[in-house]
PDB file of all heavy atoms in Angstrom:
ATOM      1  N   PHE A   1      -6.507   4.515  -5.600  1.00  0.00           N
ATOM      2  CA  PHE A   1      -5.651   3.511  -6.229  1.00  0.00           C
ATOM      3  C   PHE A   1      -5.493   3.883  -7.701  1.00  0.00           C
ATOM      4  O   PHE A   1      -6.467   3.878  -8.454  1.00  0.00           O
ATOM      5  CB  PHE A   1      -6.277   2.115  -6.117  1.00  0.00           C
ATOM      6  CG  PHE A   1      -6.141   1.517  -4.757  1.00  0.00           C
ATOM      7  CD1 PHE A   1      -7.087   1.782  -3.782  1.00  0.00           C
ATOM      8  CD2 PHE A   1      -5.072   0.703  -4.433  1.00  0.00           C
ATOM      9  CE1 PHE A   1      -6.967   1.244  -2.516  1.00  0.00           C
ATOM     10  CE2 PHE A   1      -4.948   0.158  -3.166  1.00  0.00           C
ATOM     11  CZ  PHE A   1      -5.895   0.435  -2.213  1.00  0.00           C
ATOM     12  N   PRO A   2      -4.280   4.237  -8.129  1.00  0.00           N
ATOM     13  CA  PRO A   2      -4.100   4.652  -9.517  1.00  0.00           C
ATOM     14  C   PRO A   2      -4.264   3.491 -10.481  1.00  0.00           C
ATOM     15  O   PRO A   2      -3.875   2.366 -10.192  1.00  0.00           O
ATOM     16  CB  PRO A   2      -2.655   5.185  -9.540  1.00  0.00           C
ATOM     17  CG  PRO A   2      -1.971   4.422  -8.458  1.00  0.00           C
ATOM     18  CD  PRO A   2      -3.009   4.214  -7.384  1.00  0.00           C
ATOM     19  N   VAL A   3      -4.850   3.783 -11.628  1.00  0.00           N
ATOM     20  CA  VAL A   3      -5.035   2.764 -12.659  1.00  0.00           C
ATOM     21  C   VAL A   3      -3.951   2.870 -13.723  1.00  0.00           C
ATOM     22  O   VAL A   3      -3.524   1.885 -14.299  1.00  0.00           O
ATOM     23  CB  VAL A   3      -6.435   2.906 -13.292  1.00  0.00           C
ATOM     24  CG1 VAL A   3      -6.597   1.949 -14.460  1.00  0.00           C
ATOM     25  CG2 VAL A   3      -7.514   2.653 -12.251  1.00  0.00           C
ATOM     26  N   ALA A   4      -3.468   4.074 -13.966  1.00  0.00           N
ATOM     27  CA  ALA A   4      -2.519   4.282 -15.065  1.00  0.00           C
ATOM     28  C   ALA A   4      -1.067   4.169 -14.612  1.00  0.00           C
ATOM     29  O   ALA A   4      -0.160   4.283 -15.419  1.00  0.00           O
ATOM     30  CB  ALA A   4      -2.747   5.663 -15.691  1.00  0.00           C
ATOM     31  N   GLU A   5      -0.818   3.974 -13.324  1.00  0.00           N
ATOM     32  CA  GLU A   5       0.551   3.907 -12.820  1.00  0.00           C
ATOM     33  C   GLU A   5       0.783   2.605 -12.069  1.00  0.00           C
ATOM     34  O   GLU A   5      -0.150   1.972 -11.589  1.00  0.00           O
ATOM     35  CB  GLU A   5       0.827   5.073 -11.865  1.00  0.00           C
ATOM     36  CG  GLU A   5       0.627   6.446 -12.470  1.00  0.00           C
ATOM     37  CD  GLU A   5       0.812   7.512 -11.408  1.00  0.00           C
ATOM     38  OE1 GLU A   5       1.969   7.778 -11.038  1.00  0.00           O
ATOM     39  OE2 GLU A   5      -0.187   8.051 -10.940  1.00  0.00           O
ATOM     40  N   ILE A   6       2.049   2.227 -11.968  1.00  0.00           N
ATOM     41  CA  ILE A   6       2.431   1.090 -11.141  1.00  0.00           C
ATOM     42  C   ILE A   6       2.968   1.644  -9.833  1.00  0.00           C
ATOM     43  O   ILE A   6       4.040   2.222  -9.786  1.00  0.00           O
ATOM     44  CB  ILE A   6       3.506   0.226 -11.829  1.00  0.00           C
ATOM     45  CG1 ILE A   6       3.018  -0.280 -13.177  1.00  0.00           C
ATOM     46  CG2 ILE A   6       3.899  -0.944 -10.947  1.00  0.00           C
ATOM     47  CD1 ILE A   6       4.067  -1.049 -13.953  1.00  0.00           C
ATOM     48  N   LYS A   7       2.193   1.488  -8.769  1.00  0.00           N
ATOM     49  CA  LYS A   7       2.614   1.972  -7.459  1.00  0.00           C
ATOM     50  C   LYS A   7       2.304   0.910  -6.424  1.00  0.00           C
ATOM     51  O   LYS A   7       1.291   0.220  -6.500  1.00  0.00           O
ATOM     52  CB  LYS A   7       1.886   3.271  -7.088  1.00  0.00           C
ATOM     53  CG  LYS A   7       2.378   4.506  -7.829  1.00  0.00           C
ATOM     54  CD  LYS A   7       1.775   5.763  -7.238  1.00  0.00           C
ATOM     55  CE  LYS A   7       2.336   7.004  -7.924  1.00  0.00           C
ATOM     56  NZ  LYS A   7       1.762   8.240  -7.342  1.00  0.00           N
ATOM     57  N   SER A   8       3.192   0.805  -5.442  1.00  0.00           N
ATOM     58  CA  SER A   8       2.953  -0.139  -4.362  1.00  0.00           C
ATOM     59  C   SER A   8       1.987   0.470  -3.353  1.00  0.00           C
ATOM     60  O   SER A   8       1.782   1.687  -3.302  1.00  0.00           O
ATOM     61  CB  SER A   8       4.270  -0.490  -3.667  1.00  0.00           C
ATOM     62  OG  SER A   8       4.754   0.624  -2.932  1.00  0.00           O
ATOM     63  N   TYR A   9       1.417  -0.396  -2.536  1.00  0.00           N
ATOM     64  CA  TYR A   9       0.522   0.067  -1.477  1.00  0.00           C
ATOM     65  C   TYR A   9       1.254   1.038  -0.558  1.00  0.00           C
ATOM     66  O   TYR A   9       0.705   2.069  -0.163  1.00  0.00           O
ATOM     67  CB  TYR A   9       0.004  -1.140  -0.692  1.00  0.00           C
ATOM     68  CG  TYR A   9      -0.793  -0.785   0.544  1.00  0.00           C
ATOM     69  CD1 TYR A   9      -2.157  -0.575   0.466  1.00  0.00           C
ATOM     70  CD2 TYR A   9      -0.162  -0.665   1.785  1.00  0.00           C
ATOM     71  CE1 TYR A   9      -2.886  -0.243   1.601  1.00  0.00           C
ATOM     72  CE2 TYR A   9      -0.883  -0.336   2.911  1.00  0.00           C
ATOM     73  CZ  TYR A   9      -2.244  -0.128   2.822  1.00  0.00           C
ATOM     74  OH  TYR A   9      -2.956   0.201   3.943  1.00  0.00           O
ATOM     75  N   GLN A  10       2.515   0.707  -0.199  1.00  0.00           N
ATOM     76  CA  GLN A  10       3.270   1.560   0.715  1.00  0.00           C
ATOM     77  C   GLN A  10       3.489   2.941   0.121  1.00  0.00           C
ATOM     78  O   GLN A  10       3.422   3.957   0.835  1.00  0.00           O
ATOM     79  CB  GLN A  10       4.617   0.908   1.046  1.00  0.00           C
ATOM     80  CG  GLN A  10       5.342   1.588   2.207  1.00  0.00           C
ATOM     81  CD  GLN A  10       4.526   1.588   3.481  1.00  0.00           C
ATOM     82  OE1 GLN A  10       4.032   0.554   3.903  1.00  0.00           O
ATOM     83  NE2 GLN A  10       4.362   2.759   4.077  1.00  0.00           N
ATOM     84  N   GLU A  11       3.724   3.020  -1.186  1.00  0.00           N
ATOM     85  CA  GLU A  11       3.898   4.325  -1.829  1.00  0.00           C
ATOM     86  C   GLU A  11       2.615   5.147  -1.743  1.00  0.00           C
ATOM     87  O   GLU A  11       2.646   6.360  -1.492  1.00  0.00           O
ATOM     88  CB  GLU A  11       4.296   4.132  -3.292  1.00  0.00           C
ATOM     89  CG  GLU A  11       5.716   3.633  -3.494  1.00  0.00           C
ATOM     90  CD  GLU A  11       6.020   3.331  -4.957  1.00  0.00           C
ATOM     91  OE1 GLU A  11       5.165   2.747  -5.650  1.00  0.00           O
ATOM     92  OE2 GLU A  11       7.131   3.691  -5.397  1.00  0.00           O
ATOM     93  N   LEU A  12       1.467   4.492  -1.945  1.00  0.00           N
ATOM     94  CA  LEU A  12       0.187   5.192  -1.868  1.00  0.00           C
ATOM     95  C   LEU A  12      -0.072   5.716  -0.464  1.00  0.00           C
ATOM     96  O   LEU A  12      -0.523   6.849  -0.275  1.00  0.00           O
ATOM     97  CB  LEU A  12      -0.949   4.251  -2.284  1.00  0.00           C
ATOM     98  CG  LEU A  12      -0.919   3.746  -3.727  1.00  0.00           C
ATOM     99  CD1 LEU A  12      -2.016   2.704  -3.941  1.00  0.00           C
ATOM    100  CD2 LEU A  12      -1.103   4.892  -4.701  1.00  0.00           C
ATOM    101  N   VAL A  13       0.210   4.886   0.529  1.00  0.00           N
ATOM    102  CA  VAL A  13       0.002   5.288   1.924  1.00  0.00           C
ATOM    103  C   VAL A  13       0.907   6.461   2.281  1.00  0.00           C
ATOM    104  O   VAL A  13       0.469   7.434   2.911  1.00  0.00           O
ATOM    105  CB  VAL A  13       0.267   4.089   2.863  1.00  0.00           C
ATOM    106  CG1 VAL A  13       0.404   4.551   4.309  1.00  0.00           C
ATOM    107  CG2 VAL A  13      -0.854   3.075   2.751  1.00  0.00           C
ATOM    108  N   ASP A  14       2.168   6.387   1.883  1.00  0.00           N
ATOM    109  CA  ASP A  14       3.111   7.467   2.182  1.00  0.00           C
ATOM    110  C   ASP A  14       2.677   8.777   1.531  1.00  0.00           C
ATOM    111  O   ASP A  14       2.737   9.849   2.149  1.00  0.00           O
ATOM    112  CB  ASP A  14       4.516   7.090   1.713  1.00  0.00           C
ATOM    113  CG  ASP A  14       5.130   5.965   2.546  1.00  0.00           C
ATOM    114  OD1 ASP A  14       4.623   5.703   3.650  1.00  0.00           O
ATOM    115  OD2 ASP A  14       6.092   5.340   2.065  1.00  0.00           O
ATOM    116  N   GLU A  15       2.227   8.703   0.279  1.00  0.00           N
ATOM    117  CA  GLU A  15       1.808   9.911  -0.434  1.00  0.00           C
ATOM    118  C   GLU A  15       0.575  10.544   0.201  1.00  0.00           C
ATOM    119  O   GLU A  15       0.405  11.764   0.192  1.00  0.00           O
ATOM    120  CB  GLU A  15       1.519   9.582  -1.908  1.00  0.00           C
ATOM    121  CG  GLU A  15       2.775   9.292  -2.712  1.00  0.00           C
ATOM    122  CD  GLU A  15       2.458   8.921  -4.155  1.00  0.00           C
ATOM    123  OE1 GLU A  15       1.265   8.965  -4.530  1.00  0.00           O
ATOM    124  OE2 GLU A  15       3.395   8.590  -4.903  1.00  0.00           O
ATOM    125  N   ALA A  16      -0.312   9.711   0.742  1.00  0.00           N
ATOM    126  CA  ALA A  16      -1.548  10.210   1.353  1.00  0.00           C
ATOM    127  C   ALA A  16      -1.361  10.581   2.821  1.00  0.00           C
ATOM    128  O   ALA A  16      -2.298  11.048   3.464  1.00  0.00           O
ATOM    129  CB  ALA A  16      -2.651   9.165   1.217  1.00  0.00           C
ATOM    130  N   HIS A  17      -0.137  10.361   3.349  1.00  0.00           N
ATOM    131  CA  HIS A  17       0.183  10.673   4.748  1.00  0.00           C
ATOM    132  C   HIS A  17      -0.779   9.965   5.703  1.00  0.00           C
ATOM    133  O   HIS A  17      -1.310  10.558   6.642  1.00  0.00           O
ATOM    134  CB  HIS A  17       0.139  12.188   4.985  1.00  0.00           C
ATOM    135  CG  HIS A  17       1.013  12.965   4.051  1.00  0.00           C
ATOM    136  ND1 HIS A  17       2.398  12.907   4.091  1.00  0.00           N
ATOM    137  CD2 HIS A  17       0.708  13.803   3.014  1.00  0.00           C
ATOM    138  CE1 HIS A  17       2.898  13.688   3.150  1.00  0.00           C
ATOM    139  NE2 HIS A  17       1.891  14.234   2.481  1.00  0.00           N
ATOM    140  N   LEU A  18      -0.995   8.671   5.463  1.00  0.00           N
ATOM    141  CA  LEU A  18      -1.885   7.877   6.293  1.00  0.00           C
ATOM    142  C   LEU A  18      -1.081   6.975   7.227  1.00  0.00           C
ATOM    143  O   LEU A  18       0.041   6.591   6.908  1.00  0.00           O
ATOM    144  CB  LEU A  18      -2.798   7.005   5.419  1.00  0.00           C
ATOM    145  CG  LEU A  18      -3.763   7.746   4.490  1.00  0.00           C
ATOM    146  CD1 LEU A  18      -4.465   6.764   3.566  1.00  0.00           C
ATOM    147  CD2 LEU A  18      -4.789   8.530   5.295  1.00  0.00           C
ATOM    148  N   VAL A  19      -1.662   6.660   8.358  1.00  0.00           N
ATOM    149  CA  VAL A  19      -1.048   5.719   9.295  1.00  0.00           C
ATOM    150  C   VAL A  19      -1.579   4.337   8.949  1.00  0.00           C
ATOM    151  O   VAL A  19      -2.779   4.080   9.012  1.00  0.00           O
ATOM    152  CB  VAL A  19      -1.404   6.074  10.752  1.00  0.00           C
ATOM    153  CG1 VAL A  19      -0.815   5.028  11.698  1.00  0.00           C
ATOM    154  CG2 VAL A  19      -0.908   7.463  11.095  1.00  0.00           C
ATOM    155  N   SER A  20      -0.672   3.448   8.560  1.00  0.00           N
ATOM    156  CA  SER A  20      -1.092   2.135   8.076  1.00  0.00           C
ATOM    157  C   SER A  20      -0.320   1.021   8.768  1.00  0.00           C
ATOM    158  O   SER A  20       0.839   1.191   9.156  1.00  0.00           O
ATOM    159  CB  SER A  20      -0.877   2.036   6.565  1.00  0.00           C
ATOM    160  OG  SER A  20      -1.182   0.746   6.090  1.00  0.00           O
ATOM    161  N   LYS A  21      -0.991  -0.111   8.909  1.00  0.00           N
ATOM    162  CA  LYS A  21      -0.367  -1.299   9.484  1.00  0.00           C
ATOM    163  C   LYS A  21      -0.681  -2.488   8.594  1.00  0.00           C
ATOM    164  O   LYS A  21      -1.813  -2.648   8.132  1.00  0.00           O
ATOM    165  CB  LYS A  21      -0.914  -1.551  10.897  1.00  0.00           C
ATOM    166  CG  LYS A  21      -0.439  -2.858  11.534  1.00  0.00           C
ATOM    167  CD  LYS A  21      -1.150  -3.114  12.846  1.00  0.00           C
ATOM    168  CE  LYS A  21      -0.799  -4.482  13.413  1.00  0.00           C
ATOM    169  NZ  LYS A  21      -1.552  -4.786  14.652  1.00  0.00           N
ATOM    170  N   THR A  22       0.323  -3.329   8.333  1.00  0.00           N
ATOM    171  CA  THR A  22       0.145  -4.528   7.525  1.00  0.00           C
ATOM    172  C   THR A  22       0.330  -5.768   8.390  1.00  0.00           C
ATOM    173  O   THR A  22       1.328  -5.892   9.098  1.00  0.00           O
ATOM    174  CB  THR A  22       1.151  -4.570   6.354  1.00  0.00           C
ATOM    175  OG1 THR A  22       0.890  -3.484   5.469  1.00  0.00           O
ATOM    176  CG2 THR A  22       1.021  -5.880   5.580  1.00  0.00           C
ATOM    177  N   THR A  23      -0.641  -6.669   8.313  1.00  0.00           N
ATOM    178  CA  THR A  23      -0.548  -7.945   9.010  1.00  0.00           C
ATOM    179  C   THR A  23      -0.518  -9.062   7.975  1.00  0.00           C
ATOM    180  O   THR A  23      -1.423  -9.148   7.134  1.00  0.00           O
ATOM    181  CB  THR A  23      -1.757  -8.159   9.943  1.00  0.00           C
ATOM    182  OG1 THR A  23      -1.804  -7.096  10.904  1.00  0.00           O
ATOM    183  CG2 THR A  23      -1.650  -9.497  10.671  1.00  0.00           C
ATOM    184  N   VAL A  24       0.530  -9.866   8.006  1.00  0.00           N
ATOM    185  CA  VAL A  24       0.621 -10.992   7.079  1.00  0.00           C
ATOM    186  C   VAL A  24      -0.231 -12.132   7.644  1.00  0.00           C
ATOM    187  O   VAL A  24       0.053 -12.671   8.707  1.00  0.00           O
ATOM    188  CB  VAL A  24       2.077 -11.452   6.894  1.00  0.00           C
ATOM    189  CG1 VAL A  24       2.131 -12.641   5.940  1.00  0.00           C
ATOM    190  CG2 VAL A  24       2.937 -10.301   6.373  1.00  0.00           C
ATOM    191  N   LEU A  25      -1.290 -12.481   6.912  1.00  0.00           N
ATOM    192  CA  LEU A  25      -2.191 -13.534   7.373  1.00  0.00           C
ATOM    193  C   LEU A  25      -1.674 -14.920   7.011  1.00  0.00           C
ATOM    194  O   LEU A  25      -1.852 -15.861   7.772  1.00  0.00           O
ATOM    195  CB  LEU A  25      -3.589 -13.318   6.783  1.00  0.00           C
ATOM    196  CG  LEU A  25      -4.252 -11.974   7.127  1.00  0.00           C
ATOM    197  CD1 LEU A  25      -5.604 -11.866   6.445  1.00  0.00           C
ATOM    198  CD2 LEU A  25      -4.406 -11.819   8.631  1.00  0.00           C
ATOM    199  N   SER A  26      -1.035 -15.028   5.830  1.00  0.00           N
ATOM    200  CA  SER A  26      -0.483 -16.331   5.445  1.00  0.00           C
ATOM    201  C   SER A  26       0.456 -16.185   4.257  1.00  0.00           C
ATOM    202  O   SER A  26       0.304 -15.275   3.437  1.00  0.00           O
ATOM    203  CB  SER A  26      -1.607 -17.318   5.092  1.00  0.00           C
ATOM    204  OG  SER A  26      -2.296 -16.901   3.932  1.00  0.00           O
ATOM    205  N   ILE A  27       1.450 -17.078   4.201  1.00  0.00           N
ATOM    206  CA  ILE A  27       2.319 -17.242   3.031  1.00  0.00           C
ATOM    207  C   ILE A  27       2.373 -18.743   2.758  1.00  0.00           C
ATOM    208  O   ILE A  27       2.828 -19.510   3.606  1.00  0.00           O
ATOM    209  CB  ILE A  27       3.743 -16.702   3.273  1.00  0.00           C
ATOM    210  CG1 ILE A  27       3.707 -15.208   3.626  1.00  0.00           C
ATOM    211  CG2 ILE A  27       4.614 -16.931   2.035  1.00  0.00           C
ATOM    212  CD1 ILE A  27       5.087 -14.646   3.967  1.00  0.00           C
ATOM    213  N   SER A  28       1.909 -19.158   1.619  1.00  0.00           N
ATOM    214  CA  SER A  28       1.852 -20.590   1.323  1.00  0.00           C
ATOM    215  C   SER A  28       2.039 -20.813  -0.176  1.00  0.00           C
ATOM    216  O   SER A  28       1.951 -19.877  -0.975  1.00  0.00           O
ATOM    217  CB  SER A  28       0.517 -21.184   1.772  1.00  0.00           C
ATOM    218  OG  SER A  28      -0.561 -20.543   1.101  1.00  0.00           O
TER     219      SER A  28
END
C-alpha cells in the first residue's frame, strides 16, 4: 500500500496482477 501516492485498491490489485473480489457488506 503506497504512502506517498494516491491510488485506489483496484489500481493496486491490477498492478500486482492479483485475483481479487470485493463484497459490499453495508452502505448506510
